[in-house]
Amino acid sequence: MTMFLVTLGFFLLVVAAMAVGYIFQHKTLAGSCGGLGSVGIDKACNCDNPCEKRQERERQASLKENQIDIKNI
C-alpha cells in the first residue's frame, strides 16, 4: 500500500507541475489535429461574427504572419 501511495503522490506532483507550467505560458488549449478547422468549419457557433477573444487571436496571428513575411524579404 505504501508503494501505491508513493506512486500516486509522484504522479499527482508531476500533473500539478505540468498544470502550473501551462498556466504560466498563457496559452489557450488547442487540439493536436486541427479540430473543426481541418474539416472546413471556421467556428462552432451560429453567430455572425466571432467573439472578441477569437477576433483578437486572429488579429495577433495575422500580425505575426506579416512580421514573418517582412523578415523574409
Protein backbone atom coordinates (compact mmCIF):
# COMPACT_ATOMS: atom_id res chain seq x y z
CA MET A 1 0.00 0.00 0.00
CA THR A 2 2.89 2.35 0.72
CA MET A 3 4.29 1.91 -2.79
CA PHE A 4 0.86 2.73 -4.27
CA LEU A 5 0.61 5.95 -2.25
CA VAL A 6 4.17 6.99 -3.18
CA THR A 7 3.46 6.35 -6.87
CA LEU A 8 0.12 8.18 -6.72
CA GLY A 9 1.78 11.13 -4.98
CA PHE A 10 4.52 11.23 -7.61
CA PHE A 11 2.01 11.27 -10.48
CA LEU A 12 -0.06 13.96 -8.79
CA LEU A 13 3.08 16.05 -8.31
CA VAL A 14 4.01 15.68 -11.99
CA VAL A 15 0.48 16.60 -13.15
CA ALA A 16 0.45 19.64 -10.85
CA ALA A 17 3.85 20.77 -12.17
CA MET A 18 2.64 20.44 -15.76
CA ALA A 19 -0.51 22.42 -14.95
CA VAL A 20 1.47 25.22 -13.33
CA GLY A 21 3.84 25.34 -16.31
CA TYR A 22 0.92 25.50 -18.74
CA ILE A 23 -0.76 28.28 -16.77
CA PHE A 24 2.40 30.41 -16.75
CA GLN A 25 2.81 30.05 -20.52
CA HIS A 26 -0.55 31.83 -21.02
CA LYS A 27 -1.59 29.54 -23.86
CA THR A 28 -5.09 28.52 -24.76
CA LEU A 29 -5.98 24.87 -25.13
CA ALA A 30 -5.70 23.63 -28.71
CA GLY A 31 -6.29 20.31 -30.37
CA SER A 32 -3.38 18.45 -31.90
CA CYS A 33 -5.09 17.58 -35.20
CA GLY A 34 -6.69 20.89 -36.19
CA GLY A 35 -10.17 20.33 -34.79
CA LEU A 36 -13.09 21.71 -36.80
CA GLY A 37 -10.78 23.89 -38.88
CA SER A 38 -9.34 20.80 -40.55
CA VAL A 39 -12.76 19.88 -41.96
CA GLY A 40 -13.56 23.36 -43.26
CA ILE A 41 -15.65 24.70 -40.36
CA ASP A 42 -14.42 28.10 -39.20
CA LYS A 43 -16.43 28.31 -35.99
CA ALA A 44 -18.64 26.08 -33.90
CA CYS A 45 -21.31 28.63 -33.01
CA ASN A 46 -24.13 30.01 -35.13
CA CYS A 47 -23.31 33.69 -34.59
CA ASP A 48 -22.45 36.01 -37.49
CA ASN A 49 -19.21 37.35 -36.03
CA PRO A 50 -16.63 35.54 -33.91
CA CYS A 51 -16.34 36.55 -30.25
CA GLU A 52 -13.93 39.28 -29.19
CA LYS A 53 -11.30 36.80 -27.96
CA ARG A 54 -11.24 34.99 -31.29
CA GLN A 55 -11.07 38.25 -33.22
CA GLU A 56 -8.07 39.26 -31.10
CA ARG A 57 -6.37 35.89 -31.67
CA GLU A 58 -6.93 36.17 -35.43
CA ARG A 59 -5.57 39.73 -35.41
CA GLN A 60 -2.47 38.60 -33.49
CA ALA A 61 -1.96 35.70 -35.90
CA SER A 62 -2.17 37.97 -38.93
CA LEU A 63 0.30 40.40 -37.33
CA LYS A 64 2.74 37.54 -36.72
CA GLU A 65 2.35 36.35 -40.32
CA ASN A 66 3.04 39.87 -41.57
CA GLN A 67 6.16 40.09 -39.40
CA ILE A 68 7.43 36.80 -40.79
CA ASP A 69 6.79 37.97 -44.36
CA ILE A 70 8.70 41.20 -43.73
CA LYS A 71 11.68 39.30 -42.27
CA ASN A 72 11.85 37.01 -45.30
CA ILE A 73 12.07 39.92 -47.77
